[in-house]
Amino acid sequence: MQWHAELLLAGFPSRLLPGRKRIVCLAVQKEGVLVDANGTLFNCTEAPRLAWGAS
């Protein structure tokens, strides 16, 4: 990793990591899905935090 840091400091572009995608919500992505600890699938990151059916 030292050589990579030195390349970055010298101004060379990095292709080691993929570029950043500025997408805020999974719901706008065709293949966007969230899997919770129980294996339940959600298309929104907010859904697992809501108390659905809780009384």
PDB file of N, CA and C in Angstrom:
ATOM      1  N   MET A   1       0.817  -1.196   0.000  1.00  0.00           N
ATOM      2  CA  MET A   1       0.000   0.000   0.000  1.00  0.00           C
ATOM      3  C   MET A   1       0.858   1.257   0.000  1.00  0.00           C
ATOM      4  N   GLN A   2       2.066   1.153   0.477  1.00  0.00           N
ATOM      5  CA  GLN A   2       2.935   2.331   0.504  1.00  0.00           C
ATOM      6  C   GLN A   2       3.162   2.876  -0.902  1.00  0.00           C
ATOM      7  N   TRP A   3       3.382   1.980  -1.856  1.00  0.00           N
ATOM      8  CA  TRP A   3       3.622   2.436  -3.226  1.00  0.00           C
ATOM      9  C   TRP A   3       2.386   3.128  -3.793  1.00  0.00           C
ATOM     10  N   HIS A   4       1.206   2.664  -3.401  1.00  0.00           N
ATOM     11  CA  HIS A   4      -0.025   3.282  -3.876  1.00  0.00           C
ATOM     12  C   HIS A   4      -0.171   4.683  -3.301  1.00  0.00           C
ATOM     13  N   ALA A   5       0.119   4.849  -2.036  1.00  0.00           N
ATOM     14  CA  ALA A   5       0.055   6.166  -1.402  1.00  0.00           C
ATOM     15  C   ALA A   5       1.043   7.128  -2.059  1.00  0.00           C
ATOM     16  N   GLU A   6       2.218   6.641  -2.385  1.00  0.00           N
ATOM     17  CA  GLU A   6       3.217   7.489  -3.032  1.00  0.00           C
ATOM     18  C   GLU A   6       2.779   7.907  -4.433  1.00  0.00           C
ATOM     19  N   LEU A   7       2.127   6.995  -5.162  1.00  0.00           N
ATOM     20  CA  LEU A   7       1.603   7.347  -6.482  1.00  0.00           C
ATOM     21  C   LEU A   7       0.543   8.437  -6.373  1.00  0.00           C
ATOM     22  N   LEU A   8      -0.347   8.312  -5.386  1.00  0.00           N
ATOM     23  CA  LEU A   8      -1.389   9.321  -5.191  1.00  0.00           C
ATOM     24  C   LEU A   8      -0.783  10.678  -4.846  1.00  0.00           C
ATOM     25  N   LEU A   9       0.212  10.668  -3.968  1.00  0.00           N
ATOM     26  CA  LEU A   9       0.872  11.922  -3.590  1.00  0.00           C
ATOM     27  C   LEU A   9       1.590  12.552  -4.777  1.00  0.00           C
ATOM     28  N   ALA A  10       2.053  11.737  -5.710  1.00  0.00           N
ATOM     29  CA  ALA A  10       2.736  12.243  -6.902  1.00  0.00           C
ATOM     30  C   ALA A  10       1.755  12.733  -7.970  1.00  0.00           C
ATOM     31  N   GLY A  11       0.442  12.542  -7.728  1.00  0.00           N
ATOM     32  CA  GLY A  11      -0.560  13.046  -8.652  1.00  0.00           C
ATOM     33  C   GLY A  11      -1.080  12.043  -9.667  1.00  0.00           C
ATOM     34  N   PHE A  12      -0.684  10.783  -9.537  1.00  0.00           N
ATOM     35  CA  PHE A  12      -1.191   9.762 -10.450  1.00  0.00           C
ATOM     36  C   PHE A  12      -2.612   9.363 -10.054  1.00  0.00           C
ATOM     37  N   PRO A  13      -3.476   9.100 -11.039  1.00  0.00           N
ATOM     38  CA  PRO A  13      -4.850   8.693 -10.707  1.00  0.00           C
ATOM     39  C   PRO A  13      -4.881   7.281 -10.111  1.00  0.00           C
ATOM     40  N   SER A  14      -5.845   7.050  -9.255  1.00  0.00           N
ATOM     41  CA  SER A  14      -5.986   5.742  -8.614  1.00  0.00           C
ATOM     42  C   SER A  14      -7.091   4.942  -9.292  1.00  0.00           C
ATOM     43  N   ARG A  15      -6.793   3.722  -9.665  1.00  0.00           N
ATOM     44  CA  ARG A  15      -7.790   2.826 -10.219  1.00  0.00           C
ATOM     45  C   ARG A  15      -7.925   1.581  -9.326  1.00  0.00           C
ATOM     46  N   LEU A  16      -7.370   1.669  -8.135  1.00  0.00           N
ATOM     47  CA  LEU A  16      -7.410   0.561  -7.196  1.00  0.00           C
ATOM     48  C   LEU A  16      -8.821   0.332  -6.659  1.00  0.00           C
ATOM     49  N   LEU A  17      -9.536   1.426  -6.383  1.00  0.00           N
ATOM     50  CA  LEU A  17     -10.906   1.355  -5.869  1.00  0.00           C
ATOM     51  C   LEU A  17     -11.870   1.882  -6.925  1.00  0.00           C
ATOM     52  N   PRO A  18     -13.085   1.353  -6.976  1.00  0.00           N
ATOM     53  CA  PRO A  18     -14.063   1.873  -7.942  1.00  0.00           C
ATOM     54  C   PRO A  18     -14.460   3.296  -7.605  1.00  0.00           C
ATOM     55  N   GLY A  19     -14.948   4.003  -8.600  1.00  0.00           N
ATOM     56  CA  GLY A  19     -15.379   5.385  -8.399  1.00  0.00           C
ATOM     57  C   GLY A  19     -16.613   5.475  -7.522  1.00  0.00           C
ATOM     58  N   ARG A  20     -16.834   6.635  -6.983  1.00  0.00           N
ATOM     59  CA  ARG A  20     -17.971   6.881  -6.098  1.00  0.00           C
ATOM     60  C   ARG A  20     -19.231   7.113  -6.915  1.00  0.00           C
ATOM     61  N   LYS A  21     -20.337   6.506  -6.487  1.00  0.00           N
ATOM     62  CA  LYS A  21     -21.636   6.730  -7.114  1.00  0.00           C
ATOM     63  C   LYS A  21     -22.485   7.534  -6.143  1.00  0.00           C
ATOM     64  N   ARG A  22     -22.968   8.649  -6.592  1.00  0.00           N
ATOM     65  CA  ARG A  22     -23.756   9.521  -5.720  1.00  0.00           C
ATOM     66  C   ARG A  22     -25.252   9.221  -5.854  1.00  0.00           C
ATOM     67  N   ILE A  23     -25.644   8.075  -5.357  1.00  0.00           N
ATOM     68  CA  ILE A  23     -27.050   7.673  -5.358  1.00  0.00           C
ATOM     69  C   ILE A  23     -27.501   7.602  -3.901  1.00  0.00           C
ATOM     70  N   VAL A  24     -28.532   8.340  -3.583  1.00  0.00           N
ATOM     71  CA  VAL A  24     -28.962   8.474  -2.196  1.00  0.00           C
ATOM     72  C   VAL A  24     -29.804   7.298  -1.723  1.00  0.00           C
ATOM     73  N   CYS A  25     -30.668   6.766  -2.577  1.00  0.00           N
ATOM     74  CA  CYS A  25     -31.637   5.780  -2.137  1.00  0.00           C
ATOM     75  C   CYS A  25     -31.582   4.507  -2.983  1.00  0.00           C
ATOM     76  N   LEU A  26     -31.669   3.353  -2.334  1.00  0.00           N
ATOM     77  CA  LEU A  26     -31.695   2.075  -3.050  1.00  0.00           C
ATOM     78  C   LEU A  26     -32.931   1.928  -3.927  1.00  0.00           C
ATOM     79  N   ALA A  27     -34.013   2.581  -3.564  1.00  0.00           N
ATOM     80  CA  ALA A  27     -35.276   2.415  -4.280  1.00  0.00           C
ATOM     81  C   ALA A  27     -35.190   2.895  -5.727  1.00  0.00           C
ATOM     82  N   VAL A  28     -34.242   3.768  -6.047  1.00  0.00           N
ATOM     83  CA  VAL A  28     -34.124   4.273  -7.418  1.00  0.00           C
ATOM     84  C   VAL A  28     -33.208   3.409  -8.277  1.00  0.00           C
ATOM     85  N   GLN A  29     -32.643   2.355  -7.704  1.00  0.00           N
ATOM     86  CA  GLN A  29     -31.787   1.443  -8.449  1.00  0.00           C
ATOM     87  C   GLN A  29     -32.551   0.170  -8.773  1.00  0.00           C
ATOM     88  N   LYS A  30     -32.442  -0.287 -10.005  1.00  0.00           N
ATOM     89  CA  LYS A  30     -33.153  -1.486 -10.441  1.00  0.00           C
ATOM     90  C   LYS A  30     -32.777  -2.699  -9.597  1.00  0.00           C
ATOM     91  N   GLU A  31     -31.483  -2.870  -9.321  1.00  0.00           N
ATOM     92  CA  GLU A  31     -31.042  -4.035  -8.557  1.00  0.00           C
ATOM     93  C   GLU A  31     -30.729  -3.697  -7.094  1.00  0.00           C
ATOM     94  N   GLY A  32     -31.220  -2.560  -6.607  1.00  0.00           N
ATOM     95  CA  GLY A  32     -30.982  -2.153  -5.235  1.00  0.00           C
ATOM     96  C   GLY A  32     -31.804  -2.979  -4.253  1.00  0.00           C
ATOM     97  N   VAL A  33     -31.131  -3.612  -3.313  1.00  0.00           N
ATOM     98  CA  VAL A  33     -31.826  -4.422  -2.314  1.00  0.00           C
ATOM     99  C   VAL A  33     -31.011  -4.434  -1.018  1.00  0.00           C
ATOM    100  N   LEU A  34     -31.697  -4.477   0.089  1.00  0.00           N
ATOM    101  CA  LEU A  34     -31.071  -4.560   1.397  1.00  0.00           C
ATOM    102  C   LEU A  34     -31.529  -5.858   2.042  1.00  0.00           C
ATOM    103  N   VAL A  35     -30.614  -6.607   2.620  1.00  0.00           N
ATOM    104  CA  VAL A  35     -30.935  -7.855   3.299  1.00  0.00           C
ATOM    105  C   VAL A  35     -30.681  -7.642   4.789  1.00  0.00           C
ATOM    106  N   ASP A  36     -31.708  -7.858   5.618  1.00  0.00           N
ATOM    107  CA  ASP A  36     -31.513  -7.684   7.059  1.00  0.00           C
ATOM    108  C   ASP A  36     -30.913  -8.948   7.677  1.00  0.00           C
ATOM    109  N   ALA A  37     -30.696  -8.938   8.969  1.00  0.00           N
ATOM    110  CA  ALA A  37     -30.046 -10.050   9.674  1.00  0.00           C
ATOM    111  C   ALA A  37     -30.846 -11.348   9.592  1.00  0.00           C
ATOM    112  N   ASN A  38     -32.145 -11.251   9.342  1.00  0.00           N
ATOM    113  CA  ASN A  38     -32.996 -12.440   9.241  1.00  0.00           C
ATOM    114  C   ASN A  38     -33.149 -12.934   7.805  1.00  0.00           C
ATOM    115  N   GLY A  39     -32.542 -12.236   6.849  1.00  0.00           N
ATOM    116  CA  GLY A  39     -32.633 -12.635   5.453  1.00  0.00           C
ATOM    117  C   GLY A  39     -33.799 -12.014   4.713  1.00  0.00           C
ATOM    118  N   THR A  40     -34.526 -11.108   5.350  1.00  0.00           N
ATOM    119  CA  THR A  40     -35.651 -10.434   4.715  1.00  0.00           C
ATOM    120  C   THR A  40     -35.116  -9.380   3.741  1.00  0.00           C
ATOM    121  N   LEU A  41     -35.720  -9.304   2.551  1.00  0.00           N
ATOM    122  CA  LEU A  41     -35.293  -8.362   1.523  1.00  0.00           C
ATOM    123  C   LEU A  41     -36.116  -7.087   1.587  1.00  0.00           C
ATOM    124  N   PHE A  42     -35.458  -5.945   1.427  1.00  0.00           N
ATOM    125  CA  PHE A  42     -36.114  -4.641   1.410  1.00  0.00           C
ATOM    126  C   PHE A  42     -35.572  -3.847   0.234  1.00  0.00           C
ATOM    127  N   ASN A  43     -36.411  -2.988  -0.359  1.00  0.00           N
ATOM    128  CA  ASN A  43     -35.937  -2.111  -1.418  1.00  0.00           C
ATOM    129  C   ASN A  43     -35.649  -0.716  -0.890  1.00  0.00           C
ATOM    130  N   CYS A  44     -35.707  -0.558   0.416  1.00  0.00           N
ATOM    131  CA  CYS A  44     -35.470   0.741   1.038  1.00  0.00           C
ATOM    132  C   CYS A  44     -34.686   0.525   2.337  1.00  0.00           C
ATOM    133  N   THR A  45     -33.705   1.375   2.577  1.00  0.00           N
ATOM    134  CA  THR A  45     -32.893   1.221   3.792  1.00  0.00           C
ATOM    135  C   THR A  45     -33.637   1.655   5.049  1.00  0.00           C
ATOM    136  N   GLU A  46     -34.738   2.376   4.900  1.00  0.00           N
ATOM    137  CA  GLU A  46     -35.515   2.827   6.058  1.00  0.00           C
ATOM    138  C   GLU A  46     -36.476   1.752   6.553  1.00  0.00           C
ATOM    139  N   ALA A  47     -36.901   0.842   5.687  1.00  0.00           N
ATOM    140  CA  ALA A  47     -37.921  -0.145   6.043  1.00  0.00           C
ATOM    141  C   ALA A  47     -37.561  -1.040   7.234  1.00  0.00           C
ATOM    142  N   PRO A  48     -36.321  -1.560   7.362  1.00  0.00           N
ATOM    143  CA  PRO A  48     -36.029  -2.428   8.499  1.00  0.00           C
ATOM    144  C   PRO A  48     -36.107  -1.718   9.847  1.00  0.00           C
ATOM    145  N   ARG A  49     -36.000  -0.396   9.849  1.00  0.00           N
ATOM    146  CA  ARG A  49     -36.016   0.342  11.121  1.00  0.00           C
ATOM    147  C   ARG A  49     -37.425   0.663  11.576  1.00  0.00           C
ATOM    148  N   LEU A  50     -38.401   0.485  10.692  1.00  0.00           N
ATOM    149  CA  LEU A  50     -39.779   0.777  11.065  1.00  0.00           C
ATOM    150  C   LEU A  50     -40.371  -0.420  11.794  1.00  0.00           C
ATOM    151  N   ALA A  51     -41.223  -0.167  12.747  1.00  0.00           N
ATOM    152  CA  ALA A  51     -41.839  -1.234  13.536  1.00  0.00           C
ATOM    153  C   ALA A  51     -43.147  -1.667  12.866  1.00  0.00           C
ATOM    154  N   TRP A  52     -43.054  -2.413  11.795  1.00  0.00           N
ATOM    155  CA  TRP A  52     -44.239  -2.888  11.091  1.00  0.00           C
ATOM    156  C   TRP A  52     -44.987  -3.912  11.939  1.00  0.00           C
ATOM    157  N   GLY A  53     -46.225  -3.658  12.173  1.00  0.00           N
ATOM    158  CA  GLY A  53     -47.063  -4.608  12.900  1.00  0.00           C
ATOM    159  C   GLY A  53     -46.768  -4.712  14.389  1.00  0.00           C
ATOM    160  N   ALA A  54     -45.898  -3.864  14.881  1.00  0.00           N
ATOM    161  CA  ALA A  54     -45.576  -3.900  16.322  1.00  0.00           C
ATOM    162  C   ALA A  54     -46.707  -3.252  17.098  1.00  0.00           C
ATOM    163  N   SER A  55     -47.010  -3.824  18.237  1.00  0.00           N
ATOM    164  CA  SER A  55     -48.091  -3.237  19.050  1.00  0.00           C
ATOM    165  C   SER A  55     -47.581  -2.867  20.416  1.00  0.00           C
TER     166      SER A  55
END
